[in-house]
Amino acid sequence: MNKRNIYINKIIQFMKNDYPLIKNMELYGFYDQFSKKELTYVFSGIFGEPIKKSREYIYNQNGNKIYYEDSGGYWGKWEYDDNGNKIYFEDSDGKWEKYKYDENGNEIYYEHSDGFWSKSEYDENVKQIYYENSYGYIEDNR
């Protein structure tokens, strides 16, 4: 491995979870040092998977949005399961969301950082038969 690749790999380790990624890379003086190809390699290393970058968004190899950052430093980060279902979101304002799905890809649980949550159940025909949320609303069609 040449010195440049060693340097780039050290940057990847240094920048992991250092949000906002792009703004901090610029502040540390890293962003302008890399070609587009090298930046793609750096972001792939940070996110642990191949990525595509388009303006303020970074997408994974399945085309799912995994990171956003605007010029003011606001950022958002998404995570997905192996089926492409969104399982987690967080942003620079401290907001987060969690999702869970059944084997058919139906959302069965949702939780928000403000305390809201919801649960659902589905039958074998993928029809929602139960819904409950943190406001006390329950719909039971079992």
N, C-alpha and C. Protein backbone atom coordinates (compact mmCIF):
# COMPACT_ATOMS: atom_id res chain seq x y z
N MET A 1 0.85 -1.17 0.00
CA MET A 1 0.00 0.00 0.00
C MET A 1 0.90 1.24 0.00
N ASN A 2 0.63 2.18 -0.90
CA ASN A 2 1.47 3.37 -0.97
C ASN A 2 1.10 4.37 0.13
N LYS A 3 1.92 5.40 0.29
CA LYS A 3 1.74 6.38 1.37
C LYS A 3 0.40 7.11 1.27
N ARG A 4 -0.03 7.41 0.05
CA ARG A 4 -1.31 8.11 -0.14
C ARG A 4 -2.46 7.26 0.37
N ASN A 5 -2.47 5.97 0.04
CA ASN A 5 -3.54 5.08 0.50
C ASN A 5 -3.51 4.93 2.02
N ILE A 6 -2.35 4.87 2.60
CA ILE A 6 -2.24 4.80 4.07
C ILE A 6 -2.84 6.07 4.67
N TYR A 7 -2.51 7.22 4.09
CA TYR A 7 -3.04 8.51 4.55
C TYR A 7 -4.57 8.52 4.44
N ILE A 8 -5.09 8.09 3.31
CA ILE A 8 -6.54 8.07 3.10
C ILE A 8 -7.20 7.14 4.11
N ASN A 9 -6.65 5.98 4.37
CA ASN A 9 -7.25 5.06 5.34
C ASN A 9 -7.22 5.63 6.75
N LYS A 10 -6.20 6.40 7.10
CA LYS A 10 -6.16 7.07 8.40
C LYS A 10 -7.25 8.13 8.49
N ILE A 11 -7.48 8.84 7.38
CA ILE A 11 -8.56 9.85 7.33
C ILE A 11 -9.90 9.17 7.55
N ILE A 12 -10.12 8.02 6.91
CA ILE A 12 -11.38 7.29 7.07
C ILE A 12 -11.61 6.96 8.54
N GLN A 13 -10.62 6.43 9.21
CA GLN A 13 -10.76 6.09 10.63
C GLN A 13 -11.00 7.34 11.48
N PHE A 14 -10.32 8.42 11.15
CA PHE A 14 -10.45 9.68 11.88
C PHE A 14 -11.84 10.28 11.71
N MET A 15 -12.41 10.17 10.52
CA MET A 15 -13.67 10.84 10.20
C MET A 15 -14.92 10.04 10.55
N LYS A 16 -14.79 8.76 10.86
CA LYS A 16 -15.99 7.96 11.16
C LYS A 16 -16.77 8.62 12.28
N ASN A 17 -18.06 8.82 12.05
CA ASN A 17 -18.97 9.41 13.03
C ASN A 17 -18.60 10.83 13.43
N ASP A 18 -17.88 11.56 12.58
CA ASP A 18 -17.53 12.95 12.86
C ASP A 18 -18.43 13.84 12.02
N TYR A 19 -19.70 13.94 12.43
CA TYR A 19 -20.70 14.68 11.66
C TYR A 19 -20.67 16.15 12.04
N PRO A 20 -20.91 17.05 11.11
CA PRO A 20 -21.18 16.84 9.69
C PRO A 20 -19.92 16.46 8.93
N LEU A 21 -19.98 15.38 8.21
CA LEU A 21 -18.80 14.82 7.55
C LEU A 21 -18.14 15.79 6.57
N ILE A 22 -18.90 16.30 5.64
CA ILE A 22 -18.32 17.13 4.59
C ILE A 22 -17.79 18.44 5.17
N LYS A 23 -18.58 19.08 6.02
CA LYS A 23 -18.13 20.34 6.61
C LYS A 23 -16.86 20.12 7.43
N ASN A 24 -16.81 19.05 8.21
CA ASN A 24 -15.62 18.78 9.01
C ASN A 24 -14.42 18.43 8.14
N MET A 25 -14.66 17.70 7.04
CA MET A 25 -13.56 17.40 6.12
C MET A 25 -13.00 18.69 5.55
N GLU A 26 -13.88 19.64 5.26
CA GLU A 26 -13.42 20.94 4.75
C GLU A 26 -12.66 21.70 5.84
N LEU A 27 -13.19 21.70 7.07
CA LEU A 27 -12.53 22.40 8.18
C LEU A 27 -11.14 21.83 8.46
N TYR A 28 -11.01 20.50 8.38
CA TYR A 28 -9.72 19.86 8.64
C TYR A 28 -8.78 19.97 7.44
N GLY A 29 -9.29 20.47 6.32
CA GLY A 29 -8.47 20.63 5.12
C GLY A 29 -8.34 19.38 4.26
N PHE A 30 -9.20 18.37 4.51
CA PHE A 30 -9.11 17.12 3.77
C PHE A 30 -9.86 17.16 2.44
N TYR A 31 -11.00 17.84 2.39
CA TYR A 31 -11.92 17.73 1.27
C TYR A 31 -11.28 18.10 -0.06
N ASP A 32 -10.55 19.19 -0.11
CA ASP A 32 -9.96 19.65 -1.37
C ASP A 32 -8.72 18.86 -1.78
N GLN A 33 -8.21 18.04 -0.88
CA GLN A 33 -7.01 17.26 -1.17
C GLN A 33 -7.30 16.03 -2.04
N PHE A 34 -8.57 15.62 -2.11
CA PHE A 34 -8.90 14.37 -2.77
C PHE A 34 -9.60 14.57 -4.10
N SER A 35 -9.35 13.67 -5.02
CA SER A 35 -10.09 13.64 -6.28
C SER A 35 -11.49 13.09 -5.98
N LYS A 36 -12.38 13.18 -6.96
CA LYS A 36 -13.74 12.65 -6.80
C LYS A 36 -13.68 11.14 -6.50
N LYS A 37 -12.81 10.44 -7.18
CA LYS A 37 -12.65 8.99 -6.97
C LYS A 37 -12.17 8.71 -5.55
N GLU A 38 -11.21 9.50 -5.08
CA GLU A 38 -10.70 9.30 -3.71
C GLU A 38 -11.77 9.64 -2.67
N LEU A 39 -12.57 10.70 -2.91
CA LEU A 39 -13.65 11.04 -1.98
C LEU A 39 -14.68 9.92 -1.91
N THR A 40 -14.98 9.32 -3.05
CA THR A 40 -15.91 8.19 -3.07
C THR A 40 -15.34 7.05 -2.23
N TYR A 41 -14.04 6.80 -2.35
CA TYR A 41 -13.38 5.76 -1.56
C TYR A 41 -13.45 6.11 -0.06
N VAL A 42 -13.19 7.36 0.29
CA VAL A 42 -13.24 7.79 1.69
C VAL A 42 -14.64 7.59 2.26
N PHE A 43 -15.67 8.07 1.55
CA PHE A 43 -17.04 7.92 2.04
C PHE A 43 -17.46 6.46 2.09
N SER A 44 -17.02 5.65 1.15
CA SER A 44 -17.32 4.21 1.20
C SER A 44 -16.70 3.60 2.44
N GLY A 45 -15.50 4.02 2.79
CA GLY A 45 -14.86 3.52 4.01
C GLY A 45 -15.57 3.98 5.26
N ILE A 46 -16.03 5.22 5.29
CA ILE A 46 -16.74 5.74 6.46
C ILE A 46 -18.05 4.99 6.67
N PHE A 47 -18.80 4.76 5.58
CA PHE A 47 -20.10 4.10 5.69
C PHE A 47 -20.03 2.58 5.62
N GLY A 48 -18.85 2.05 5.30
CA GLY A 48 -18.67 0.60 5.29
C GLY A 48 -19.33 -0.11 4.13
N GLU A 49 -19.61 0.61 3.06
CA GLU A 49 -20.22 0.01 1.87
C GLU A 49 -19.98 0.93 0.68
N PRO A 50 -20.10 0.39 -0.53
CA PRO A 50 -19.93 1.24 -1.71
C PRO A 50 -20.99 2.34 -1.72
N ILE A 51 -20.61 3.54 -2.15
CA ILE A 51 -21.55 4.66 -2.17
C ILE A 51 -21.53 5.36 -3.52
N LYS A 52 -22.57 6.19 -3.71
CA LYS A 52 -22.65 7.12 -4.83
C LYS A 52 -22.97 8.47 -4.22
N LYS A 53 -22.28 9.51 -4.66
CA LYS A 53 -22.51 10.85 -4.13
C LYS A 53 -23.18 11.70 -5.20
N SER A 54 -24.22 12.43 -4.79
CA SER A 54 -24.93 13.34 -5.69
C SER A 54 -25.28 14.59 -4.91
N ARG A 55 -24.64 15.68 -5.21
CA ARG A 55 -24.82 16.94 -4.51
C ARG A 55 -24.66 16.74 -3.01
N GLU A 56 -25.71 17.03 -2.23
CA GLU A 56 -25.61 16.91 -0.78
C GLU A 56 -25.91 15.50 -0.26
N TYR A 57 -26.32 14.60 -1.14
CA TYR A 57 -26.73 13.26 -0.72
C TYR A 57 -25.67 12.21 -1.03
N ILE A 58 -25.62 11.21 -0.17
CA ILE A 58 -24.80 10.03 -0.41
C ILE A 58 -25.76 8.84 -0.38
N TYR A 59 -25.65 7.98 -1.38
CA TYR A 59 -26.53 6.82 -1.53
C TYR A 59 -25.72 5.54 -1.41
N ASN A 60 -26.35 4.48 -0.91
CA ASN A 60 -25.66 3.19 -0.88
C ASN A 60 -25.79 2.53 -2.25
N GLN A 61 -25.24 1.34 -2.38
CA GLN A 61 -25.23 0.66 -3.68
C GLN A 61 -26.62 0.26 -4.15
N ASN A 62 -27.61 0.26 -3.25
CA ASN A 62 -28.99 -0.07 -3.62
C ASN A 62 -29.80 1.17 -3.97
N GLY A 63 -29.16 2.33 -3.94
CA GLY A 63 -29.85 3.57 -4.27
C GLY A 63 -30.58 4.20 -3.10
N ASN A 64 -30.38 3.67 -1.89
CA ASN A 64 -31.01 4.25 -0.71
C ASN A 64 -30.18 5.41 -0.19
N LYS A 65 -30.85 6.49 0.17
CA LYS A 65 -30.19 7.66 0.74
C LYS A 65 -29.63 7.27 2.11
N ILE A 66 -28.31 7.45 2.34
CA ILE A 66 -27.73 7.10 3.63
C ILE A 66 -27.15 8.30 4.37
N TYR A 67 -26.98 9.44 3.65
CA TYR A 67 -26.44 10.63 4.32
C TYR A 67 -26.81 11.86 3.53
N TYR A 68 -27.11 12.93 4.28
CA TYR A 68 -27.40 14.24 3.68
C TYR A 68 -26.70 15.28 4.52
N GLU A 69 -26.20 16.30 3.83
CA GLU A 69 -25.61 17.42 4.56
C GLU A 69 -25.79 18.68 3.74
N ASP A 70 -26.24 19.75 4.39
CA ASP A 70 -26.35 21.02 3.67
C ASP A 70 -25.20 21.94 4.04
N SER A 71 -25.13 23.08 3.40
CA SER A 71 -24.00 23.99 3.58
C SER A 71 -23.95 24.60 4.98
N GLY A 72 -25.06 24.56 5.70
CA GLY A 72 -25.09 25.08 7.07
C GLY A 72 -24.63 24.08 8.11
N GLY A 73 -24.35 22.86 7.68
CA GLY A 73 -23.87 21.85 8.60
C GLY A 73 -24.95 20.91 9.10
N TYR A 74 -26.24 21.15 8.73
CA TYR A 74 -27.29 20.19 9.10
C TYR A 74 -27.00 18.87 8.38
N TRP A 75 -27.16 17.74 9.08
CA TRP A 75 -26.95 16.45 8.46
C TRP A 75 -28.02 15.48 8.91
N GLY A 76 -28.25 14.47 8.08
CA GLY A 76 -29.15 13.37 8.38
C GLY A 76 -28.52 12.08 7.92
N LYS A 77 -28.75 11.02 8.67
CA LYS A 77 -28.13 9.73 8.37
C LYS A 77 -29.21 8.64 8.46
N TRP A 78 -29.25 7.76 7.46
CA TRP A 78 -30.22 6.67 7.39
C TRP A 78 -29.51 5.32 7.39
N GLU A 79 -30.16 4.31 7.98
CA GLU A 79 -29.66 2.94 7.94
C GLU A 79 -30.79 2.04 7.46
N TYR A 80 -30.42 0.95 6.77
CA TYR A 80 -31.39 0.04 6.16
C TYR A 80 -31.03 -1.40 6.51
N ASP A 81 -32.06 -2.25 6.51
CA ASP A 81 -31.79 -3.68 6.71
C ASP A 81 -31.42 -4.32 5.37
N ASP A 82 -31.19 -5.62 5.38
CA ASP A 82 -30.77 -6.32 4.16
C ASP A 82 -31.83 -6.31 3.07
N ASN A 83 -33.10 -6.03 3.43
CA ASN A 83 -34.18 -5.98 2.45
C ASN A 83 -34.43 -4.57 1.93
N GLY A 84 -33.62 -3.61 2.36
CA GLY A 84 -33.78 -2.23 1.90
C GLY A 84 -34.78 -1.42 2.70
N ASN A 85 -35.27 -1.97 3.81
CA ASN A 85 -36.20 -1.24 4.66
C ASN A 85 -35.44 -0.29 5.58
N LYS A 86 -35.93 0.94 5.69
CA LYS A 86 -35.30 1.91 6.58
C LYS A 86 -35.50 1.44 8.03
N ILE A 87 -34.40 1.31 8.78
CA ILE A 87 -34.50 0.86 10.17
C ILE A 87 -34.08 1.93 11.17
N TYR A 88 -33.39 2.98 10.69
CA TYR A 88 -32.95 4.01 11.62
C TYR A 88 -32.68 5.30 10.87
N PHE A 89 -32.99 6.40 11.53
CA PHE A 89 -32.67 7.73 11.03
C PHE A 89 -32.25 8.58 12.21
N GLU A 90 -31.27 9.44 12.00
CA GLU A 90 -30.92 10.45 12.99
C GLU A 90 -30.43 11.69 12.27
N ASP A 91 -30.54 12.85 12.95
CA ASP A 91 -30.05 14.08 12.34
C ASP A 91 -29.33 14.94 13.36
N SER A 92 -28.78 16.04 12.87
CA SER A 92 -27.97 16.91 13.70
C SER A 92 -28.80 17.69 14.73
N ASP A 93 -30.11 17.69 14.59
CA ASP A 93 -30.97 18.34 15.57
C ASP A 93 -31.30 17.43 16.75
N GLY A 94 -30.80 16.20 16.72
CA GLY A 94 -31.05 15.25 17.79
C GLY A 94 -32.26 14.37 17.57
N LYS A 95 -32.95 14.55 16.47
CA LYS A 95 -34.11 13.72 16.15
C LYS A 95 -33.64 12.35 15.69
N TRP A 96 -34.37 11.30 16.09
CA TRP A 96 -34.08 9.96 15.60
C TRP A 96 -35.38 9.20 15.45
N GLU A 97 -35.35 8.18 14.61
CA GLU A 97 -36.49 7.31 14.37
C GLU A 97 -35.98 5.89 14.23
N LYS A 98 -36.75 4.92 14.76
CA LYS A 98 -36.42 3.50 14.63
C LYS A 98 -37.61 2.78 14.01
N TYR A 99 -37.31 1.79 13.19
CA TYR A 99 -38.34 1.01 12.51
C TYR A 99 -38.01 -0.47 12.63
N LYS A 100 -39.07 -1.30 12.73
CA LYS A 100 -38.90 -2.76 12.67
C LYS A 100 -39.96 -3.30 11.70
N TYR A 101 -39.62 -4.42 11.05
CA TYR A 101 -40.48 -5.01 10.03
C TYR A 101 -40.64 -6.50 10.26
N ASP A 102 -41.75 -7.04 9.77
CA ASP A 102 -41.93 -8.50 9.84
C ASP A 102 -41.27 -9.13 8.61
N GLU A 103 -41.39 -10.44 8.49
CA GLU A 103 -40.74 -11.17 7.39
C GLU A 103 -41.29 -10.80 6.01
N ASN A 104 -42.47 -10.14 5.96
CA ASN A 104 -43.05 -9.72 4.69
C ASN A 104 -42.74 -8.25 4.36
N GLY A 105 -41.95 -7.61 5.19
CA GLY A 105 -41.60 -6.22 4.94
C GLY A 105 -42.60 -5.21 5.46
N ASN A 106 -43.58 -5.67 6.25
CA ASN A 106 -44.56 -4.76 6.84
C ASN A 106 -43.96 -4.09 8.07
N GLU A 107 -44.15 -2.79 8.19
CA GLU A 107 -43.66 -2.08 9.36
C GLU A 107 -44.49 -2.51 10.57
N ILE A 108 -43.82 -3.08 11.58
CA ILE A 108 -44.53 -3.54 12.76
C ILE A 108 -44.22 -2.70 14.00
N TYR A 109 -43.21 -1.83 13.91
CA TYR A 109 -42.88 -0.97 15.04
C TYR A 109 -42.22 0.30 14.53
N TYR A 110 -42.60 1.41 15.14
CA TYR A 110 -42.00 2.70 14.84
C TYR A 110 -41.84 3.45 16.15
N GLU A 111 -40.70 4.11 16.29
CA GLU A 111 -40.45 4.90 17.49
C GLU A 111 -39.74 6.19 17.09
N HIS A 112 -40.17 7.29 17.69
CA HIS A 112 -39.60 8.61 17.40
C HIS A 112 -38.98 9.17 18.68
N SER A 113 -37.96 10.00 18.52
CA SER A 113 -37.27 10.58 19.66
C SER A 113 -38.16 11.47 20.53
N ASP A 114 -39.30 11.91 20.01
CA ASP A 114 -40.21 12.72 20.82
C ASP A 114 -41.09 11.87 21.74
N GLY A 115 -40.90 10.54 21.70
CA GLY A 115 -41.66 9.64 22.56
C GLY A 115 -42.78 8.90 21.87
N PHE A 116 -43.16 9.31 20.68
CA PHE A 116 -44.22 8.62 19.95
C PHE A 116 -43.74 7.25 19.50
N TRP A 117 -44.63 6.25 19.59
CA TRP A 117 -44.36 4.91 19.06
C TRP A 117 -45.66 4.32 18.53
N SER A 118 -45.52 3.36 17.64
CA SER A 118 -46.68 2.62 17.15
C SER A 118 -46.27 1.17 16.89
N LYS A 119 -47.26 0.28 17.05
CA LYS A 119 -47.06 -1.15 16.79
C LYS A 119 -48.18 -1.62 15.87
N SER A 120 -47.85 -2.55 14.98
CA SER A 120 -48.84 -3.11 14.08
C SER A 120 -48.63 -4.61 13.96
N GLU A 121 -49.71 -5.31 13.65
CA GLU A 121 -49.65 -6.74 13.33
C GLU A 121 -50.39 -6.95 12.02
N TYR A 122 -49.96 -7.96 11.26
CA TYR A 122 -50.56 -8.26 9.96
C TYR A 122 -50.90 -9.74 9.89
N ASP A 123 -51.95 -10.06 9.13
CA ASP A 123 -52.30 -11.47 8.95
C ASP A 123 -51.52 -12.05 7.77
N GLU A 124 -51.81 -13.32 7.43
CA GLU A 124 -51.09 -14.00 6.36
C GLU A 124 -51.38 -13.40 4.99
N ASN A 125 -52.46 -12.60 4.87
CA ASN A 125 -52.78 -11.92 3.62
C ASN A 125 -52.22 -10.49 3.58
N VAL A 126 -51.34 -10.18 4.49
CA VAL A 126 -50.68 -8.88 4.61
C VAL A 126 -51.67 -7.75 4.89
N LYS A 127 -52.76 -8.10 5.56
CA LYS A 127 -53.74 -7.11 5.96
C LYS A 127 -53.46 -6.73 7.42
N GLN A 128 -53.44 -5.43 7.69
CA GLN A 128 -53.19 -4.99 9.06
C GLN A 128 -54.39 -5.39 9.92
N ILE A 129 -54.11 -6.14 11.00
CA ILE A 129 -55.17 -6.60 11.88
C ILE A 129 -55.10 -5.97 13.27
N TYR A 130 -54.00 -5.30 13.56
CA TYR A 130 -53.86 -4.65 14.87
C TYR A 130 -52.97 -3.43 14.73
N TYR A 131 -53.38 -2.35 15.42
CA TYR A 131 -52.57 -1.13 15.45
C TYR A 131 -52.74 -0.51 16.84
N GLU A 132 -51.64 -0.04 17.38
CA GLU A 132 -51.65 0.62 18.68
C GLU A 132 -50.57 1.70 18.65
N ASN A 133 -50.84 2.84 19.32
CA ASN A 133 -49.80 3.86 19.40
C ASN A 133 -49.71 4.46 20.80
N SER A 134 -48.72 5.28 21.01
CA SER A 134 -48.45 5.85 22.32
C SER A 134 -49.48 6.87 22.77
N TYR A 135 -50.36 7.30 21.86
CA TYR A 135 -51.44 8.21 22.25
C TYR A 135 -52.61 7.45 22.87
N GLY A 136 -52.54 6.13 22.88
CA GLY A 136 -53.61 5.32 23.43
C GLY A 136 -54.59 4.80 22.41
N TYR A 137 -54.38 5.12 21.15
CA TYR A 137 -55.27 4.66 20.09
C TYR A 137 -54.98 3.19 19.81
N ILE A 138 -56.06 2.38 19.78
CA ILE A 138 -55.93 0.95 19.47
C ILE A 138 -57.02 0.59 18.46
N GLU A 139 -56.61 -0.13 17.43
CA GLU A 139 -57.53 -0.69 16.45
C GLU A 139 -57.23 -2.16 16.36
N ASP A 140 -58.19 -2.99 16.81
CA ASP A 140 -57.97 -4.43 16.88
C ASP A 140 -58.98 -5.15 15.99
N ASN A 141 -58.51 -5.74 14.90
CA ASN A 141 -59.35 -6.49 13.97
C ASN A 141 -58.92 -7.94 13.88
N ARG A 142 -58.41 -8.45 14.99
CA ARG A 142 -57.95 -9.85 15.00
C ARG A 142 -59.12 -10.79 15.14
